[in-house]
N, C-alpha and C. Protein backbone atom coordinates (compact mmCIF):
# COMPACT_ATOMS: atom_id res chain seq x y z
N MET A 1 51.21 79.35 106.20
CA MET A 1 50.62 78.32 105.38
C MET A 1 51.64 77.19 105.24
N GLU A 2 51.18 75.94 105.35
CA GLU A 2 52.07 74.79 105.24
C GLU A 2 51.37 73.69 104.46
N ALA A 3 52.15 72.97 103.65
CA ALA A 3 51.63 71.84 102.88
C ALA A 3 52.55 70.65 103.08
N ARG A 4 51.95 69.48 103.23
CA ARG A 4 52.71 68.23 103.38
C ARG A 4 52.31 67.29 102.26
N ASP A 5 53.30 66.65 101.64
CA ASP A 5 53.04 65.68 100.59
C ASP A 5 53.07 64.27 101.16
N ALA A 6 52.60 63.31 100.38
CA ALA A 6 52.57 61.92 100.81
C ALA A 6 53.96 61.37 101.05
N ASP A 7 54.97 61.90 100.35
CA ASP A 7 56.34 61.41 100.53
C ASP A 7 57.03 62.03 101.74
N GLY A 8 56.33 62.86 102.48
CA GLY A 8 56.91 63.47 103.68
C GLY A 8 57.48 64.86 103.46
N SER A 9 57.50 65.32 102.22
CA SER A 9 58.01 66.66 101.94
C SER A 9 57.09 67.70 102.56
N VAL A 10 57.68 68.75 103.06
CA VAL A 10 56.93 69.83 103.70
C VAL A 10 57.37 71.15 103.07
N ARG A 11 56.40 72.00 102.78
CA ARG A 11 56.67 73.35 102.28
C ARG A 11 55.75 74.31 103.02
N GLY A 12 56.30 75.47 103.32
CA GLY A 12 55.45 76.43 104.00
C GLY A 12 56.04 77.82 103.96
N SER A 13 55.27 78.77 104.46
CA SER A 13 55.74 80.15 104.51
C SER A 13 55.00 80.87 105.62
N TYR A 14 55.58 81.95 106.06
CA TYR A 14 54.95 82.82 107.04
C TYR A 14 55.58 84.19 106.93
N SER A 15 54.94 85.16 107.54
CA SER A 15 55.50 86.52 107.55
C SER A 15 55.14 87.17 108.88
N TYR A 16 55.92 88.17 109.23
CA TYR A 16 55.66 88.93 110.45
C TYR A 16 56.32 90.31 110.31
N ILE A 17 56.00 91.17 111.22
CA ILE A 17 56.59 92.51 111.25
C ILE A 17 57.60 92.54 112.40
N ASP A 18 58.85 92.85 112.06
CA ASP A 18 59.90 92.86 113.09
C ASP A 18 59.80 94.13 113.94
N PRO A 19 60.58 94.23 115.01
CA PRO A 19 60.51 95.41 115.90
C PRO A 19 60.80 96.74 115.21
N ASN A 20 61.48 96.70 114.06
CA ASN A 20 61.78 97.94 113.33
C ASN A 20 60.68 98.31 112.34
N GLY A 21 59.61 97.50 112.30
CA GLY A 21 58.51 97.79 111.39
C GLY A 21 58.67 97.19 110.01
N ASN A 22 59.70 96.37 109.79
CA ASN A 22 59.92 95.73 108.49
C ASN A 22 59.12 94.44 108.39
N VAL A 23 58.53 94.20 107.21
CA VAL A 23 57.81 92.95 106.98
C VAL A 23 58.84 91.88 106.62
N VAL A 24 58.85 90.81 107.39
CA VAL A 24 59.76 89.69 107.16
C VAL A 24 58.95 88.56 106.55
N LYS A 25 59.40 88.08 105.38
CA LYS A 25 58.73 86.97 104.70
C LYS A 25 59.67 85.78 104.66
N MET A 26 59.20 84.66 105.15
CA MET A 26 60.01 83.44 105.20
C MET A 26 59.33 82.32 104.42
N GLN A 27 60.15 81.52 103.76
CA GLN A 27 59.71 80.29 103.12
C GLN A 27 60.57 79.17 103.69
N TYR A 28 59.99 77.99 103.87
CA TYR A 28 60.77 76.86 104.38
C TYR A 28 60.31 75.60 103.67
N TRP A 29 61.18 74.61 103.65
CA TRP A 29 60.86 73.33 103.04
C TRP A 29 61.78 72.25 103.57
N ASP A 30 61.29 71.04 103.51
CA ASP A 30 62.08 69.85 103.82
C ASP A 30 61.76 68.86 102.72
N ASP A 31 62.74 68.63 101.86
CA ASP A 31 62.54 67.74 100.71
C ASP A 31 63.19 66.38 100.91
N GLY A 32 63.43 66.01 102.14
CA GLY A 32 64.09 64.75 102.43
C GLY A 32 65.57 64.89 102.66
N SER A 33 66.13 66.03 102.28
CA SER A 33 67.56 66.25 102.49
C SER A 33 67.81 67.20 103.66
N GLY A 34 66.77 67.51 104.41
CA GLY A 34 66.93 68.38 105.57
C GLY A 34 66.10 69.64 105.46
N PHE A 35 66.11 70.40 106.52
CA PHE A 35 65.34 71.64 106.60
C PHE A 35 66.07 72.75 105.86
N HIS A 36 65.32 73.51 105.08
CA HIS A 36 65.86 74.66 104.35
C HIS A 36 64.97 75.86 104.62
N ALA A 37 65.55 77.03 104.64
CA ALA A 37 64.77 78.25 104.84
C ALA A 37 65.33 79.36 103.97
N ALA A 38 64.45 80.21 103.51
CA ALA A 38 64.84 81.38 102.73
C ALA A 38 63.94 82.53 103.17
N GLY A 39 64.49 83.70 103.18
CA GLY A 39 63.69 84.85 103.57
C GLY A 39 64.42 86.15 103.31
N ASN A 40 63.68 87.23 103.41
CA ASN A 40 64.28 88.53 103.11
C ASN A 40 65.04 89.11 104.30
N ASN A 41 65.11 88.38 105.41
CA ASN A 41 65.86 88.88 106.57
C ASN A 41 67.12 88.07 106.85
N LEU A 42 67.39 87.06 106.04
CA LEU A 42 68.57 86.22 106.27
C LEU A 42 69.80 86.86 105.65
N PRO A 43 70.93 86.76 106.31
CA PRO A 43 72.15 87.35 105.75
C PRO A 43 72.57 86.61 104.48
N VAL A 44 73.17 87.34 103.58
CA VAL A 44 73.65 86.78 102.32
C VAL A 44 75.17 86.76 102.37
N ALA A 45 75.74 85.60 102.09
CA ALA A 45 77.20 85.49 102.09
C ALA A 45 77.76 86.24 100.88
N VAL A 46 78.77 87.01 101.12
CA VAL A 46 79.44 87.76 100.05
C VAL A 46 80.84 87.20 99.92
N HIS A 47 81.14 86.66 98.75
CA HIS A 47 82.47 86.10 98.53
C HIS A 47 83.44 87.24 98.27
N GLN A 48 84.44 87.32 99.11
CA GLN A 48 85.46 88.35 98.94
C GLN A 48 86.82 87.68 98.98
N THR A 49 87.64 88.01 98.01
CA THR A 49 89.01 87.52 98.01
C THR A 49 89.78 88.32 99.06
N PRO A 50 90.47 87.63 99.96
CA PRO A 50 91.21 88.35 101.00
C PRO A 50 92.28 89.27 100.40
N ASP A 51 92.51 90.37 101.03
CA ASP A 51 93.55 91.30 100.62
C ASP A 51 94.79 90.98 101.44
N TYR A 52 95.69 90.18 100.84
CA TYR A 52 96.87 89.72 101.56
C TYR A 52 97.95 90.80 101.63
N THR A 53 98.70 90.79 102.71
CA THR A 53 99.85 91.69 102.83
C THR A 53 100.93 91.21 101.87
N PRO A 54 101.89 92.06 101.52
CA PRO A 54 102.96 91.64 100.62
C PRO A 54 103.72 90.41 101.14
N GLU A 55 103.91 90.33 102.46
CA GLU A 55 104.63 89.19 103.03
C GLU A 55 103.84 87.89 102.85
N VAL A 56 102.54 87.97 103.05
CA VAL A 56 101.70 86.78 102.89
C VAL A 56 101.64 86.39 101.42
N LYS A 57 101.52 87.37 100.52
CA LYS A 57 101.52 87.07 99.09
C LYS A 57 102.80 86.35 98.69
N ALA A 58 103.94 86.84 99.16
CA ALA A 58 105.22 86.21 98.83
C ALA A 58 105.29 84.80 99.38
N ALA A 59 104.82 84.60 100.61
CA ALA A 59 104.85 83.27 101.22
C ALA A 59 103.94 82.31 100.45
N ARG A 60 102.77 82.79 100.03
CA ARG A 60 101.85 81.93 99.26
C ARG A 60 102.47 81.55 97.91
N GLU A 61 103.09 82.51 97.24
CA GLU A 61 103.72 82.23 95.96
C GLU A 61 104.87 81.24 96.12
N ASN A 62 105.66 81.40 97.17
CA ASN A 62 106.76 80.48 97.44
C ASN A 62 106.22 79.08 97.73
N HIS A 63 105.17 79.00 98.52
CA HIS A 63 104.56 77.71 98.84
C HIS A 63 104.07 77.02 97.57
N LEU A 64 103.44 77.78 96.67
CA LEU A 64 102.96 77.21 95.42
C LEU A 64 104.12 76.69 94.58
N ARG A 65 105.21 77.45 94.50
CA ARG A 65 106.38 77.00 93.74
C ARG A 65 106.94 75.70 94.33
N LEU A 66 107.06 75.64 95.65
CA LEU A 66 107.57 74.43 96.30
C LEU A 66 106.64 73.24 96.07
N TYR A 67 105.34 73.48 96.15
CA TYR A 67 104.36 72.42 95.92
C TYR A 67 104.48 71.89 94.49
N GLU A 68 104.55 72.80 93.52
CA GLU A 68 104.65 72.38 92.12
C GLU A 68 105.94 71.63 91.86
N ALA A 69 107.05 72.04 92.48
CA ALA A 69 108.33 71.34 92.33
C ALA A 69 108.24 69.94 92.94
N ALA A 70 107.62 69.82 94.10
CA ALA A 70 107.46 68.50 94.73
C ALA A 70 106.58 67.60 93.89
N LEU A 71 105.53 68.15 93.31
CA LEU A 71 104.64 67.37 92.46
C LEU A 71 105.38 66.87 91.22
N GLU A 72 106.17 67.73 90.61
CA GLU A 72 106.96 67.31 89.44
C GLU A 72 107.97 66.23 89.82
N ALA A 73 108.59 66.36 91.00
CA ALA A 73 109.55 65.34 91.45
C ALA A 73 108.86 64.01 91.67
N LEU A 74 107.66 64.03 92.22
CA LEU A 74 106.91 62.78 92.41
C LEU A 74 106.55 62.15 91.07
N LYS A 75 106.14 62.98 90.12
CA LYS A 75 105.80 62.45 88.79
C LYS A 75 107.03 61.84 88.14
N ALA A 76 108.17 62.51 88.25
CA ALA A 76 109.41 61.99 87.66
C ALA A 76 109.82 60.69 88.34
N ALA A 77 109.67 60.62 89.66
CA ALA A 77 110.02 59.39 90.38
C ALA A 77 109.12 58.25 89.96
N ALA A 78 107.85 58.51 89.73
CA ALA A 78 106.93 57.46 89.30
C ALA A 78 107.30 56.96 87.92
N VAL A 79 107.70 57.86 87.03
CA VAL A 79 108.12 57.46 85.69
C VAL A 79 109.38 56.60 85.78
N ASN A 80 110.35 57.04 86.59
CA ASN A 80 111.59 56.26 86.74
C ASN A 80 111.32 54.90 87.34
N GLU A 81 110.41 54.82 88.30
CA GLU A 81 110.10 53.53 88.92
C GLU A 81 109.47 52.59 87.91
N GLU A 82 108.61 53.11 87.05
CA GLU A 82 108.00 52.28 86.02
C GLU A 82 109.06 51.75 85.05
N LYS A 83 110.06 52.56 84.73
CA LYS A 83 111.12 52.13 83.83
C LYS A 83 111.96 51.02 84.46
N GLU A 84 112.09 51.02 85.81
CA GLU A 84 112.94 50.05 86.49
C GLU A 84 112.25 48.72 86.72
N LYS A 85 110.95 48.66 86.52
CA LYS A 85 110.24 47.40 86.73
C LYS A 85 110.52 46.46 85.56
N ASP A 86 110.70 45.18 85.88
CA ASP A 86 110.82 44.21 84.79
C ASP A 86 109.41 43.75 84.41
N ASP A 87 109.30 42.81 83.52
CA ASP A 87 108.00 42.37 83.02
C ASP A 87 107.12 41.76 84.11
N SER A 88 107.69 41.24 85.17
CA SER A 88 106.89 40.63 86.22
C SER A 88 106.34 41.66 87.19
N GLY A 89 106.71 42.93 87.03
CA GLY A 89 106.20 43.97 87.90
C GLY A 89 107.09 44.26 89.09
N TYR A 90 108.19 43.56 89.23
CA TYR A 90 109.09 43.81 90.35
C TYR A 90 110.18 44.80 89.94
N ILE A 91 110.65 45.57 90.90
CA ILE A 91 111.72 46.53 90.63
C ILE A 91 113.03 45.78 90.47
N ASP A 92 113.76 46.13 89.42
CA ASP A 92 115.07 45.52 89.16
C ASP A 92 116.09 46.16 90.10
N SER A 93 116.52 45.41 91.10
CA SER A 93 117.42 45.96 92.11
C SER A 93 118.87 46.01 91.65
N SER A 94 119.17 45.50 90.47
CA SER A 94 120.56 45.53 90.01
C SER A 94 121.01 46.95 89.68
N ASN A 95 120.08 47.88 89.57
CA ASN A 95 120.43 49.27 89.29
C ASN A 95 120.92 50.00 90.52
N TYR A 96 120.82 49.38 91.69
CA TYR A 96 121.17 50.02 92.94
C TYR A 96 122.40 49.37 93.56
N GLU A 97 123.25 50.20 94.13
CA GLU A 97 124.37 49.67 94.89
C GLU A 97 123.86 49.29 96.27
N ALA A 98 124.60 48.46 96.97
CA ALA A 98 124.19 48.02 98.30
C ALA A 98 123.99 49.24 99.20
N GLY A 99 122.86 49.28 99.87
CA GLY A 99 122.57 50.35 100.80
C GLY A 99 121.94 51.58 100.17
N ASP A 100 121.85 51.65 98.84
CA ASP A 100 121.26 52.81 98.17
C ASP A 100 119.78 52.56 97.88
N TYR A 101 118.99 52.55 98.93
CA TYR A 101 117.55 52.35 98.73
C TYR A 101 116.77 53.11 99.75
């Protein structure tokens, strides 16, 4: 069975018996954002958190620590840069020795 609306939306369904004797029921629709289908024979995604080895867990934790340290350093550098700007928005270069940039 299929129905079409004036806006171009399509909805429909069908069923059949698969080779194993199971009744398969499908529904489909296109609401303007693309074709969609649902049915009792489609696989369902199961979200599983990976079981990491101890070495991978340690590497991930180390990476997170390094990332957080780099983020804090960037935030601190941004604060220091704002402090060095004069009222016109330019960085005051008198705080730096020649070649220290």
